[in-house]
N, C-alpha and C. Protein backbone atom coordinates (compact mmCIF):
# COMPACT_ATOMS: atom_id res chain seq x y z
N MET A 1 49.21 39.30 13.27
CA MET A 1 47.85 38.83 13.32
C MET A 1 46.90 39.68 12.41
N ARG A 2 45.99 39.01 11.75
CA ARG A 2 45.09 39.75 10.83
C ARG A 2 43.71 39.88 11.41
N LEU A 3 43.17 41.08 11.43
CA LEU A 3 41.87 41.32 12.02
C LEU A 3 40.91 41.91 10.96
N LEU A 4 39.64 41.60 11.10
CA LEU A 4 38.58 42.28 10.36
C LEU A 4 37.87 43.22 11.37
N TYR A 5 37.74 44.46 11.07
CA TYR A 5 37.12 45.43 11.93
C TYR A 5 35.92 46.10 11.20
N ALA A 6 34.74 45.85 11.63
CA ALA A 6 33.50 46.35 11.05
C ALA A 6 32.90 47.51 11.92
N GLU A 7 32.92 48.68 11.40
CA GLU A 7 32.45 49.88 12.18
C GLU A 7 31.91 50.89 11.18
N ASP A 8 30.74 51.38 11.32
CA ASP A 8 30.19 52.28 10.36
C ASP A 8 30.56 53.76 10.68
N GLU A 9 31.06 54.04 11.80
CA GLU A 9 31.49 55.47 12.20
C GLU A 9 32.91 55.61 11.66
N ARG A 10 33.10 56.39 10.56
CA ARG A 10 34.36 56.41 9.92
C ARG A 10 35.52 56.95 10.78
N GLN A 11 35.21 58.00 11.53
CA GLN A 11 36.26 58.59 12.34
C GLN A 11 36.70 57.63 13.44
N MET A 12 35.73 56.95 14.04
CA MET A 12 36.04 55.88 15.03
C MET A 12 36.88 54.79 14.40
N SER A 13 36.47 54.36 13.17
CA SER A 13 37.20 53.30 12.51
C SER A 13 38.64 53.73 12.25
N GLU A 14 38.79 54.90 11.72
CA GLU A 14 40.16 55.36 11.43
C GLU A 14 41.09 55.42 12.65
N ALA A 15 40.48 55.89 13.82
CA ALA A 15 41.26 55.97 14.98
C ALA A 15 41.70 54.62 15.55
N VAL A 16 40.77 53.61 15.55
CA VAL A 16 41.00 52.31 16.02
C VAL A 16 41.97 51.59 15.11
N VAL A 17 41.80 51.75 13.80
CA VAL A 17 42.74 51.13 12.83
C VAL A 17 44.15 51.63 13.08
N ASP A 18 44.36 52.94 13.26
CA ASP A 18 45.60 53.51 13.53
C ASP A 18 46.34 52.85 14.74
N ILE A 19 45.48 52.75 15.82
CA ILE A 19 46.04 52.17 17.04
C ILE A 19 46.44 50.66 16.87
N LEU A 20 45.52 49.85 16.19
CA LEU A 20 45.85 48.48 15.92
C LEU A 20 47.06 48.30 15.05
N THR A 21 47.12 49.15 14.02
CA THR A 21 48.34 49.13 13.14
C THR A 21 49.57 49.40 13.86
N PHE A 22 49.56 50.39 14.73
CA PHE A 22 50.65 50.78 15.54
C PHE A 22 51.15 49.61 16.33
N HIS A 23 50.22 48.77 16.80
CA HIS A 23 50.54 47.59 17.66
C HIS A 23 50.82 46.36 16.79
N LYS A 24 51.06 46.57 15.53
CA LYS A 24 51.56 45.50 14.65
C LYS A 24 50.46 44.53 14.12
N TYR A 25 49.21 44.94 14.26
CA TYR A 25 48.17 44.11 13.69
C TYR A 25 47.89 44.54 12.23
N THR A 26 47.48 43.61 11.37
CA THR A 26 47.08 43.86 10.08
C THR A 26 45.57 43.96 10.15
N VAL A 27 44.96 45.03 9.58
CA VAL A 27 43.54 45.28 9.77
C VAL A 27 42.83 45.54 8.45
N ASP A 28 41.73 44.89 8.16
CA ASP A 28 40.83 45.24 7.07
C ASP A 28 39.66 45.87 7.73
N ALA A 29 39.41 47.11 7.27
CA ALA A 29 38.27 47.92 7.86
C ALA A 29 37.14 47.96 6.85
N VAL A 30 35.90 47.58 7.36
CA VAL A 30 34.73 47.67 6.46
C VAL A 30 33.67 48.50 7.23
N TYR A 31 32.66 48.94 6.56
CA TYR A 31 31.74 49.96 7.15
C TYR A 31 30.25 49.54 7.14
N ASP A 32 29.95 48.34 6.74
CA ASP A 32 28.55 47.87 6.94
C ASP A 32 28.56 46.31 7.05
N GLY A 33 27.46 45.73 7.50
CA GLY A 33 27.37 44.35 7.77
C GLY A 33 27.54 43.47 6.53
N GLU A 34 26.95 43.87 5.39
CA GLU A 34 27.09 43.07 4.21
C GLU A 34 28.53 43.00 3.72
N GLU A 35 29.20 44.11 3.79
CA GLU A 35 30.65 44.11 3.43
C GLU A 35 31.42 43.19 4.32
N ALA A 36 31.18 43.23 5.62
CA ALA A 36 31.80 42.43 6.59
C ALA A 36 31.63 40.88 6.29
N LEU A 37 30.40 40.53 5.95
CA LEU A 37 30.16 39.11 5.63
C LEU A 37 30.88 38.74 4.35
N GLY A 38 30.91 39.66 3.38
CA GLY A 38 31.62 39.32 2.12
C GLY A 38 33.02 39.07 2.39
N TYR A 39 33.72 39.84 3.20
CA TYR A 39 35.14 39.68 3.52
C TYR A 39 35.31 38.31 4.27
N LEU A 40 34.45 38.01 5.19
CA LEU A 40 34.54 36.80 5.93
C LEU A 40 34.40 35.52 5.08
N LYS A 41 33.63 35.64 3.99
CA LYS A 41 33.49 34.53 3.05
C LYS A 41 34.75 34.30 2.22
N SER A 42 35.47 35.32 1.97
CA SER A 42 36.56 35.18 0.99
C SER A 42 38.03 35.30 1.66
N GLU A 43 38.06 35.77 2.87
CA GLU A 43 39.37 35.98 3.49
C GLU A 43 39.43 35.20 4.80
N HIS A 44 40.66 35.06 5.30
CA HIS A 44 40.92 34.45 6.58
C HIS A 44 41.42 35.39 7.59
N TYR A 45 40.84 35.34 8.83
CA TYR A 45 41.26 36.23 9.88
C TYR A 45 41.53 35.52 11.16
N ASP A 46 42.43 36.11 12.03
CA ASP A 46 42.69 35.60 13.31
C ASP A 46 41.68 36.06 14.33
N GLY A 47 41.01 37.23 14.09
CA GLY A 47 40.02 37.72 14.94
C GLY A 47 39.10 38.73 14.19
N VAL A 48 37.92 38.90 14.76
CA VAL A 48 36.94 39.77 14.13
C VAL A 48 36.37 40.67 15.22
N ILE A 49 36.29 41.98 14.87
CA ILE A 49 35.65 42.96 15.74
C ILE A 49 34.45 43.56 15.02
N LEU A 50 33.32 43.35 15.61
CA LEU A 50 32.06 43.72 14.95
C LEU A 50 31.31 44.75 15.80
N ASP A 51 30.94 45.87 15.21
CA ASP A 51 30.01 46.78 15.85
C ASP A 51 28.59 46.24 15.66
N VAL A 52 27.80 46.35 16.71
CA VAL A 52 26.44 45.78 16.63
C VAL A 52 25.49 46.56 15.68
N MET A 53 25.52 47.89 15.85
CA MET A 53 24.66 48.73 15.02
C MET A 53 25.36 49.17 13.78
N MET A 54 25.04 48.51 12.60
CA MET A 54 25.63 48.80 11.34
C MET A 54 24.53 48.81 10.29
N PRO A 55 24.75 49.59 9.21
CA PRO A 55 23.74 49.58 8.13
C PRO A 55 23.82 48.25 7.34
N LYS A 56 22.72 47.98 6.62
CA LYS A 56 22.54 46.79 5.76
C LYS A 56 22.45 45.48 6.51
N MET A 57 23.26 45.27 7.53
CA MET A 57 23.10 44.09 8.28
C MET A 57 23.86 44.33 9.68
N SER A 58 23.09 43.94 10.74
CA SER A 58 23.72 44.31 12.09
C SER A 58 24.82 43.33 12.39
N GLY A 59 25.64 43.76 13.31
CA GLY A 59 26.71 42.88 13.82
C GLY A 59 26.25 41.54 14.26
N ILE A 60 25.09 41.51 14.91
CA ILE A 60 24.52 40.19 15.49
C ILE A 60 24.15 39.35 14.27
N ASP A 61 23.58 39.89 13.28
CA ASP A 61 23.19 39.03 12.04
C ASP A 61 24.47 38.54 11.36
N VAL A 62 25.47 39.43 11.22
CA VAL A 62 26.74 39.00 10.61
C VAL A 62 27.33 37.80 11.44
N LEU A 63 27.30 37.89 12.71
CA LEU A 63 27.78 36.85 13.64
C LEU A 63 27.02 35.55 13.44
N LYS A 64 25.72 35.66 13.44
CA LYS A 64 24.90 34.47 13.26
C LYS A 64 25.20 33.73 11.89
N LYS A 65 25.30 34.59 10.85
CA LYS A 65 25.64 34.00 9.55
C LYS A 65 26.94 33.32 9.48
N MET A 66 27.98 34.03 9.99
CA MET A 66 29.33 33.49 9.91
C MET A 66 29.42 32.15 10.73
N ARG A 67 28.73 32.08 11.91
CA ARG A 67 28.74 30.85 12.71
C ARG A 67 28.00 29.76 11.96
N ALA A 68 26.88 30.11 11.23
CA ALA A 68 26.17 29.12 10.48
C ALA A 68 26.95 28.58 9.29
N MET A 69 27.89 29.40 8.83
CA MET A 69 28.77 28.97 7.70
C MET A 69 29.91 28.16 8.21
N GLY A 70 30.10 27.96 9.52
CA GLY A 70 31.14 27.17 10.04
C GLY A 70 32.42 27.99 10.34
N ILE A 71 32.33 29.33 10.28
CA ILE A 71 33.53 30.19 10.56
C ILE A 71 33.58 30.39 12.05
N HIS A 72 34.61 29.88 12.68
CA HIS A 72 34.84 29.88 14.12
C HIS A 72 35.80 30.87 14.64
N THR A 73 36.15 31.77 13.79
CA THR A 73 37.08 32.89 14.17
C THR A 73 36.51 33.60 15.45
N PRO A 74 37.31 33.86 16.42
CA PRO A 74 36.84 34.53 17.64
C PRO A 74 36.38 35.97 17.34
N VAL A 75 35.23 36.36 18.02
CA VAL A 75 34.65 37.70 17.66
C VAL A 75 34.56 38.51 18.98
N LEU A 76 34.87 39.78 18.81
CA LEU A 76 34.65 40.77 19.87
C LEU A 76 33.54 41.76 19.37
N MET A 77 32.46 41.85 20.13
CA MET A 77 31.35 42.70 19.77
C MET A 77 31.53 44.14 20.39
N LEU A 78 31.24 45.14 19.64
CA LEU A 78 31.37 46.46 20.09
C LEU A 78 29.90 47.15 19.97
N THR A 79 29.43 47.82 20.94
CA THR A 79 28.24 48.55 20.76
C THR A 79 28.07 49.73 21.75
N ALA A 80 27.32 50.66 21.45
CA ALA A 80 27.00 51.79 22.35
C ALA A 80 26.04 51.40 23.40
N LYS A 81 25.40 50.28 23.11
CA LYS A 81 24.40 49.78 24.14
C LYS A 81 25.05 49.04 25.17
N SER A 82 24.64 49.16 26.42
CA SER A 82 25.30 48.37 27.49
C SER A 82 24.29 47.55 28.35
N GLU A 83 23.05 47.48 27.83
CA GLU A 83 22.04 46.69 28.57
C GLU A 83 22.36 45.22 28.57
N ILE A 84 22.00 44.54 29.57
CA ILE A 84 22.35 43.10 29.75
C ILE A 84 21.73 42.32 28.60
N GLU A 85 20.59 42.71 28.16
CA GLU A 85 19.90 41.97 27.08
C GLU A 85 20.76 41.92 25.81
N ASP A 86 21.37 43.05 25.49
CA ASP A 86 22.18 43.16 24.26
C ASP A 86 23.44 42.27 24.43
N LYS A 87 24.02 42.22 25.55
CA LYS A 87 25.14 41.39 25.83
C LYS A 87 24.77 39.89 25.67
N ILE A 88 23.63 39.57 26.19
CA ILE A 88 23.19 38.18 26.13
C ILE A 88 22.91 37.80 24.72
N ALA A 89 22.32 38.69 23.90
CA ALA A 89 22.06 38.42 22.48
C ALA A 89 23.30 38.21 21.72
N GLY A 90 24.32 39.03 22.00
CA GLY A 90 25.61 38.88 21.28
C GLY A 90 26.26 37.58 21.67
N LEU A 91 26.32 37.27 22.97
CA LEU A 91 26.99 36.02 23.38
C LEU A 91 26.25 34.79 22.96
N ASP A 92 24.90 34.84 22.97
CA ASP A 92 24.15 33.66 22.49
C ASP A 92 24.33 33.47 20.96
N ALA A 93 24.60 34.54 20.21
CA ALA A 93 24.79 34.34 18.77
C ALA A 93 26.21 33.85 18.46
N GLY A 94 27.06 33.77 19.48
CA GLY A 94 28.43 33.15 19.21
C GLY A 94 29.57 34.05 19.46
N ALA A 95 29.31 35.23 20.03
CA ALA A 95 30.42 36.16 20.32
C ALA A 95 31.30 35.61 21.42
N ASP A 96 32.60 35.91 21.37
CA ASP A 96 33.54 35.45 22.40
C ASP A 96 33.75 36.51 23.48
N ASP A 97 33.49 37.81 23.17
CA ASP A 97 33.64 38.89 24.16
C ASP A 97 32.80 40.02 23.74
N TYR A 98 32.55 40.95 24.63
CA TYR A 98 31.68 42.05 24.44
C TYR A 98 32.20 43.31 25.07
N LEU A 99 32.27 44.46 24.39
CA LEU A 99 32.77 45.65 24.97
C LEU A 99 31.86 46.77 24.57
N ALA A 100 31.41 47.56 25.56
CA ALA A 100 30.47 48.68 25.31
C ALA A 100 31.25 49.95 25.00
N LYS A 101 30.75 50.80 24.14
CA LYS A 101 31.34 52.11 23.87
C LYS A 101 30.75 53.08 24.89
N PRO A 102 31.44 54.14 25.13
CA PRO A 102 32.85 54.37 24.79
C PRO A 102 33.79 53.55 25.70
N PHE A 103 34.97 53.20 25.16
CA PHE A 103 35.83 52.31 25.93
C PHE A 103 37.24 52.92 25.98
N ALA A 104 37.97 52.58 26.99
CA ALA A 104 39.37 52.98 27.09
C ALA A 104 40.25 52.13 26.05
N MET A 105 41.13 52.78 25.31
CA MET A 105 41.82 52.06 24.30
C MET A 105 42.73 50.97 24.94
N GLY A 106 43.25 51.14 26.11
CA GLY A 106 44.03 50.17 26.84
C GLY A 106 43.22 48.85 27.05
N GLU A 107 41.95 49.04 27.50
CA GLU A 107 41.08 47.86 27.76
C GLU A 107 40.78 47.27 26.37
N PHE A 108 40.49 47.97 25.31
CA PHE A 108 40.20 47.42 24.07
C PHE A 108 41.35 46.56 23.57
N LEU A 109 42.61 47.09 23.68
CA LEU A 109 43.71 46.25 23.20
C LEU A 109 43.91 45.04 24.02
N ALA A 110 43.60 45.14 25.34
CA ALA A 110 43.72 43.93 26.18
C ALA A 110 42.71 42.84 25.81
N ARG A 111 41.50 43.29 25.43
CA ARG A 111 40.43 42.43 24.99
C ARG A 111 40.81 41.70 23.62
N VAL A 112 41.45 42.54 22.74
CA VAL A 112 41.89 41.95 21.46
C VAL A 112 42.93 40.91 21.69
N ARG A 113 43.87 41.18 22.64
CA ARG A 113 44.97 40.19 22.88
C ARG A 113 44.36 38.93 23.50
N ALA A 114 43.44 39.07 24.43
CA ALA A 114 42.76 37.92 24.98
C ALA A 114 41.98 37.12 23.98
N LEU A 115 41.30 37.85 23.03
CA LEU A 115 40.59 37.20 21.91
C LEU A 115 41.46 36.30 21.11
N LEU A 116 42.62 36.86 20.76
CA LEU A 116 43.61 36.10 19.90
C LEU A 116 44.18 34.94 20.66
N ARG A 117 44.46 35.12 21.97
CA ARG A 117 44.91 33.88 22.69
C ARG A 117 43.91 32.82 22.78
N ARG A 118 42.62 33.19 22.90
CA ARG A 118 41.51 32.20 22.99
C ARG A 118 41.47 31.38 21.70
N ARG A 119 41.85 31.98 20.60
CA ARG A 119 41.87 31.24 19.37
C ARG A 119 42.76 30.05 19.36
N GLU A 120 43.82 30.16 20.16
CA GLU A 120 44.91 29.14 20.13
C GLU A 120 44.72 28.15 21.27
N GLU A 121 43.71 28.32 22.05
CA GLU A 121 43.58 27.47 23.26
C GLU A 121 43.16 26.05 23.00
N PHE A 122 42.37 25.81 21.90
CA PHE A 122 41.92 24.45 21.67
C PHE A 122 42.14 24.04 20.16
N THR A 123 42.90 23.06 20.04
CA THR A 123 43.05 22.36 18.75
C THR A 123 42.84 20.91 18.89
N PRO A 124 41.89 20.24 18.27
CA PRO A 124 41.68 18.86 18.44
C PRO A 124 42.90 18.03 18.01
N GLU A 125 43.17 16.91 18.60
CA GLU A 125 44.36 16.14 18.28
C GLU A 125 44.15 15.52 16.86
N ILE A 126 42.95 15.16 16.47
CA ILE A 126 42.73 14.60 15.16
C ILE A 126 41.76 15.62 14.44
N ILE A 127 42.15 16.10 13.31
CA ILE A 127 41.31 16.95 12.47
C ILE A 127 40.83 16.13 11.25
N THR A 128 39.51 15.98 11.08
CA THR A 128 39.05 15.13 9.95
C THR A 128 38.24 16.00 8.97
N TYR A 129 38.43 15.67 7.70
CA TYR A 129 37.62 16.24 6.63
C TYR A 129 37.53 15.23 5.47
N GLY A 130 36.30 14.93 5.14
CA GLY A 130 36.17 13.81 4.15
C GLY A 130 36.67 12.51 4.72
N ASN A 131 37.41 11.84 3.85
CA ASN A 131 38.01 10.59 4.29
C ASN A 131 39.49 10.73 4.73
N ILE A 132 39.84 11.95 5.06
CA ILE A 132 41.23 12.29 5.40
C ILE A 132 41.29 12.83 6.81
N SER A 133 42.27 12.42 7.57
CA SER A 133 42.43 12.91 8.94
C SER A 133 43.91 13.33 9.10
N LEU A 134 44.07 14.43 10.00
CA LEU A 134 45.39 14.91 10.32
C LEU A 134 45.59 14.82 11.77
N ASN A 135 46.72 14.14 12.14
CA ASN A 135 47.01 13.98 13.56
C ASN A 135 47.95 15.13 14.01
N THR A 136 47.49 16.01 14.90
CA THR A 136 48.19 17.15 15.25
C THR A 136 49.32 16.84 16.18
N ALA A 137 49.40 15.63 16.72
CA ALA A 137 50.49 15.21 17.65
C ALA A 137 51.71 14.67 16.88
N ASN A 138 51.50 13.91 15.79
CA ASN A 138 52.63 13.20 15.16
C ASN A 138 52.77 13.64 13.62
N TYR A 139 51.92 14.58 13.15
CA TYR A 139 51.99 15.09 11.83
C TYR A 139 51.60 14.08 10.75
N GLU A 140 50.82 13.08 11.09
CA GLU A 140 50.46 12.04 10.16
C GLU A 140 49.16 12.47 9.41
N LEU A 141 49.23 12.35 8.09
CA LEU A 141 48.12 12.61 7.22
C LEU A 141 47.66 11.20 6.78
N CYS A 142 46.38 10.83 7.14
CA CYS A 142 45.87 9.45 6.98
C CYS A 142 44.70 9.43 5.99
N GLY A 143 44.79 8.45 5.15
CA GLY A 143 43.66 8.18 4.20
C GLY A 143 43.14 6.79 4.51
N PRO A 144 42.23 6.24 3.68
CA PRO A 144 41.62 4.97 3.94
C PRO A 144 42.57 3.78 4.01
N GLU A 145 43.68 3.87 3.21
CA GLU A 145 44.57 2.71 3.13
C GLU A 145 45.94 2.98 3.54
N GLN A 146 46.46 4.19 3.62
CA GLN A 146 47.85 4.45 4.04
C GLN A 146 48.01 5.82 4.76
N THR A 147 49.23 6.04 5.17
CA THR A 147 49.49 7.28 5.96
C THR A 147 50.80 7.87 5.51
N PHE A 148 50.84 9.16 5.50
CA PHE A 148 52.11 9.89 5.31
C PHE A 148 52.45 10.71 6.50
N THR A 149 53.74 10.80 6.82
CA THR A 149 54.19 11.68 7.92
C THR A 149 54.67 12.96 7.20
N LEU A 150 54.04 14.05 7.56
CA LEU A 150 54.31 15.34 6.87
C LEU A 150 55.52 16.06 7.46
N SER A 151 56.17 16.81 6.66
CA SER A 151 57.21 17.72 7.18
C SER A 151 56.56 18.75 8.03
N LYS A 152 57.28 19.55 8.73
CA LYS A 152 56.67 20.60 9.60
C LYS A 152 55.89 21.63 8.75
N ILE A 153 56.51 22.06 7.57
CA ILE A 153 55.88 23.04 6.80
C ILE A 153 54.56 22.42 6.13
N GLU A 154 54.68 21.17 5.61
CA GLU A 154 53.55 20.59 4.99
C GLU A 154 52.37 20.47 6.06
N TYR A 155 52.78 20.10 7.27
CA TYR A 155 51.80 19.96 8.37
C TYR A 155 51.05 21.26 8.64
N GLN A 156 51.82 22.35 8.83
CA GLN A 156 51.25 23.64 9.18
C GLN A 156 50.37 24.10 8.09
N LEU A 157 50.76 23.91 6.86
CA LEU A 157 49.90 24.33 5.72
C LEU A 157 48.66 23.48 5.73
N MET A 158 48.75 22.19 5.85
CA MET A 158 47.61 21.29 5.82
C MET A 158 46.61 21.59 6.97
N GLU A 159 47.16 21.87 8.16
CA GLU A 159 46.31 22.21 9.30
C GLU A 159 45.53 23.45 9.01
N LEU A 160 46.16 24.53 8.48
CA LEU A 160 45.44 25.71 8.14
C LEU A 160 44.28 25.44 7.19
N LEU A 161 44.52 24.66 6.12
CA LEU A 161 43.53 24.41 5.14
C LEU A 161 42.41 23.60 5.72
N MET A 162 42.72 22.58 6.63
CA MET A 162 41.60 21.80 7.16
C MET A 162 40.82 22.60 8.18
N ILE A 163 41.43 23.34 9.01
CA ILE A 163 40.71 24.13 9.96
C ILE A 163 39.81 25.15 9.31
N ASN A 164 40.21 25.66 8.13
CA ASN A 164 39.48 26.62 7.39
C ASN A 164 38.91 26.08 6.10
N LYS A 165 38.45 24.82 6.11
CA LYS A 165 37.89 24.13 4.96
C LYS A 165 36.71 24.96 4.44
N GLY A 166 36.69 25.06 3.13
CA GLY A 166 35.63 25.80 2.42
C GLY A 166 35.84 27.29 2.33
N ILE A 167 37.00 27.76 2.81
CA ILE A 167 37.32 29.14 2.81
C ILE A 167 38.63 29.41 2.03
N TYR A 168 38.57 30.34 1.08
CA TYR A 168 39.84 30.70 0.41
C TYR A 168 40.81 31.36 1.32
N LEU A 169 42.04 30.91 1.39
CA LEU A 169 43.10 31.56 2.08
C LEU A 169 44.07 32.09 1.10
N SER A 170 44.43 33.38 1.19
CA SER A 170 45.30 34.01 0.20
C SER A 170 46.79 33.46 0.32
N THR A 171 47.50 33.59 -0.72
CA THR A 171 48.90 33.11 -0.70
C THR A 171 49.66 34.03 0.29
N ASP A 172 49.42 35.27 0.42
CA ASP A 172 50.09 36.15 1.36
C ASP A 172 49.81 35.66 2.80
N ASP A 173 48.54 35.28 3.07
CA ASP A 173 48.12 34.86 4.40
C ASP A 173 48.76 33.57 4.73
N LEU A 174 48.84 32.58 3.78
CA LEU A 174 49.52 31.30 4.07
C LEU A 174 51.02 31.54 4.30
N LEU A 175 51.67 32.38 3.46
CA LEU A 175 53.05 32.67 3.69
C LEU A 175 53.30 33.17 5.05
N THR A 176 52.51 34.18 5.48
CA THR A 176 52.72 34.79 6.74
C THR A 176 52.52 33.88 7.93
N LYS A 177 51.49 33.05 7.84
CA LYS A 177 51.11 32.14 8.97
C LYS A 177 52.04 30.96 9.05
N VAL A 178 52.49 30.46 7.95
CA VAL A 178 53.32 29.26 8.00
C VAL A 178 54.86 29.60 8.08
N TRP A 179 55.29 30.61 7.26
CA TRP A 179 56.73 30.99 7.31
C TRP A 179 57.07 32.15 8.19
N GLY A 180 56.08 32.86 8.69
CA GLY A 180 56.27 33.98 9.64
C GLY A 180 56.31 35.35 8.97
N TYR A 181 56.13 36.36 9.75
CA TYR A 181 55.95 37.75 9.22
C TYR A 181 57.29 38.25 8.59
N GLU A 182 58.38 37.79 9.12
CA GLU A 182 59.70 38.34 8.77
C GLU A 182 60.42 37.40 7.84
N THR A 183 59.73 36.47 7.16
CA THR A 183 60.33 35.52 6.31
C THR A 183 60.89 36.21 5.05
N ASP A 184 61.99 35.62 4.59
CA ASP A 184 62.55 36.05 3.23
C ASP A 184 62.06 35.14 2.01
N ALA A 185 61.23 34.19 2.41
CA ALA A 185 60.74 33.29 1.38
C ALA A 185 59.87 34.02 0.40
N GLU A 186 59.82 33.59 -0.83
CA GLU A 186 59.04 34.23 -1.84
C GLU A 186 57.67 33.54 -1.92
N LEU A 187 56.68 34.23 -2.54
CA LEU A 187 55.30 33.66 -2.58
C LEU A 187 55.30 32.30 -3.35
N GLY A 188 56.24 32.13 -4.22
CA GLY A 188 56.16 30.82 -4.97
C GLY A 188 56.37 29.61 -4.13
N ILE A 189 56.93 29.78 -2.97
CA ILE A 189 57.21 28.63 -2.08
C ILE A 189 55.88 28.03 -1.65
N VAL A 190 54.84 28.88 -1.48
CA VAL A 190 53.47 28.35 -1.09
C VAL A 190 53.09 27.34 -2.17
N TRP A 191 53.17 27.76 -3.35
CA TRP A 191 52.66 26.90 -4.50
C TRP A 191 53.44 25.54 -4.47
N VAL A 192 54.72 25.59 -4.19
CA VAL A 192 55.54 24.37 -4.17
C VAL A 192 55.01 23.38 -3.10
N TYR A 193 54.70 23.95 -1.93
CA TYR A 193 54.23 23.01 -0.83
C TYR A 193 52.78 22.62 -1.09
N ILE A 194 51.97 23.47 -1.69
CA ILE A 194 50.61 23.07 -2.10
C ILE A 194 50.72 21.90 -3.08
N SER A 195 51.69 21.91 -3.98
CA SER A 195 51.86 20.83 -4.93
C SER A 195 52.20 19.47 -4.21
N TYR A 196 53.14 19.60 -3.18
CA TYR A 196 53.50 18.47 -2.38
C TYR A 196 52.20 17.83 -1.76
N LEU A 197 51.42 18.71 -1.16
CA LEU A 197 50.20 18.14 -0.48
C LEU A 197 49.17 17.59 -1.40
N ARG A 198 49.02 18.23 -2.65
CA ARG A 198 48.16 17.67 -3.56
C ARG A 198 48.54 16.31 -4.03
N LYS A 199 49.85 16.07 -4.27
CA LYS A 199 50.36 14.72 -4.60
C LYS A 199 50.00 13.77 -3.54
N LYS A 200 50.18 14.08 -2.26
CA LYS A 200 49.93 13.21 -1.17
C LYS A 200 48.37 12.83 -1.08
N LEU A 201 47.57 13.85 -1.28
CA LEU A 201 46.17 13.67 -1.21
C LEU A 201 45.68 12.71 -2.36
N THR A 202 46.26 12.84 -3.50
CA THR A 202 46.02 11.90 -4.63
C THR A 202 46.45 10.51 -4.34
N ALA A 203 47.64 10.35 -3.69
CA ALA A 203 48.12 9.02 -3.39
C ALA A 203 47.25 8.38 -2.25
N LEU A 204 46.65 9.17 -1.46
CA LEU A 204 45.78 8.72 -0.37
C LEU A 204 44.43 8.42 -0.85
N ASN A 205 44.10 8.67 -2.14
CA ASN A 205 42.81 8.47 -2.71
C ASN A 205 41.76 9.34 -1.91
N ALA A 206 42.14 10.57 -1.69
CA ALA A 206 41.32 11.49 -0.88
C ALA A 206 40.09 11.94 -1.64
N ASP A 207 38.96 12.08 -0.97
CA ASP A 207 37.83 12.59 -1.52
C ASP A 207 37.65 14.16 -1.35
N ILE A 208 38.81 14.75 -0.91
CA ILE A 208 38.92 16.17 -0.85
C ILE A 208 40.11 16.68 -1.73
N GLU A 209 40.15 17.95 -2.04
CA GLU A 209 41.22 18.47 -2.83
C GLU A 209 41.51 19.89 -2.54
N ILE A 210 42.69 20.36 -2.87
CA ILE A 210 43.09 21.78 -2.73
C ILE A 210 42.81 22.51 -3.98
N SER A 211 41.80 23.33 -4.02
CA SER A 211 41.51 24.11 -5.26
C SER A 211 42.17 25.47 -5.17
N ALA A 212 42.31 26.09 -6.36
CA ALA A 212 43.00 27.33 -6.40
C ALA A 212 42.15 28.27 -7.23
N LYS A 213 42.11 29.58 -6.93
CA LYS A 213 41.46 30.60 -7.68
C LYS A 213 42.39 31.72 -7.82
N ARG A 214 42.63 32.15 -9.10
CA ARG A 214 43.60 33.20 -9.41
C ARG A 214 43.28 34.52 -8.65
N ASN A 215 44.27 35.08 -8.05
CA ASN A 215 44.15 36.28 -7.24
C ASN A 215 43.23 36.19 -6.03
N ILE A 216 42.92 34.95 -5.64
CA ILE A 216 42.09 34.78 -4.49
C ILE A 216 42.89 33.91 -3.47
N GLY A 217 43.28 32.69 -3.89
CA GLY A 217 44.02 31.83 -3.03
C GLY A 217 43.71 30.35 -3.12
N TYR A 218 43.81 29.64 -2.01
CA TYR A 218 43.69 28.22 -2.04
C TYR A 218 42.56 27.80 -1.01
N MET A 219 41.84 26.70 -1.31
CA MET A 219 40.78 26.29 -0.47
C MET A 219 40.71 24.77 -0.51
N LEU A 220 40.47 24.08 0.65
CA LEU A 220 40.24 22.68 0.70
C LEU A 220 38.76 22.46 0.62
N GLN A 221 38.37 21.61 -0.34
CA GLN A 221 36.99 21.34 -0.57
C GLN A 221 36.78 19.91 -1.12
N PRO A 222 35.50 19.43 -1.13
CA PRO A 222 35.27 18.14 -1.65
C PRO A 222 35.73 17.96 -3.08
N ARG A 223 36.29 16.79 -3.48
CA ARG A 223 36.78 16.71 -4.82
C ARG A 223 35.60 16.71 -5.82
N ASN A 224 35.93 17.36 -6.96
CA ASN A 224 34.96 17.49 -8.04
C ASN A 224 33.78 18.40 -7.74
N SER A 225 33.79 19.15 -6.67
CA SER A 225 32.72 20.11 -6.36
C SER A 225 32.90 21.32 -7.27
N LYS A 226 31.92 22.17 -7.45
CA LYS A 226 31.99 23.28 -8.30
C LYS A 226 32.81 24.42 -7.69
N ARG A 227 33.64 25.05 -8.40
CA ARG A 227 34.59 26.10 -7.91
C ARG A 227 34.02 27.46 -8.17
């Protein structure tokens, strides 16, 4: 699982990252709110941990902006403040959980596990983007006039792209999420399946497309939009 951790206290950040890494999480650590928002715009995460009090942009403001951008990744807020008003502000802004500092590392890890479980609790049966819909029950990719039944790999890849529409997902991230952490598959296999999906979208006369940006990744976006 990949996490974004935003905390301006460097020693605190290093200690938490060490613990998370020990427990097999992949962590990107950032140290201010603007940097956190930049990562959220360009990367895909399974969970986000935000400190409330950060330079340049507070954790609450980062949370509001990411929710306004349509990024629904679950968020755990961390703060030295424990007043009920701060908790309400964080939850109202779209946080999924709230933990006051100082905290026991065991409780922190339990909150992270719960956060990541929450991410998987709800997936709509039909995911729609543009004139294309994906049925999560039978793997059917549907357009205005015809339907394709996707293979398992095609489906998993398409689901990731549709859930994260408008966000670039790296090749490494796609490989890990679709083929698994211990896969022997090479990165080129991602391009092969992206090619399969592009052909199906073209055949469906889709008004969306899978765009690519070198050294960044792949993104589902409206056809002919600026890249």
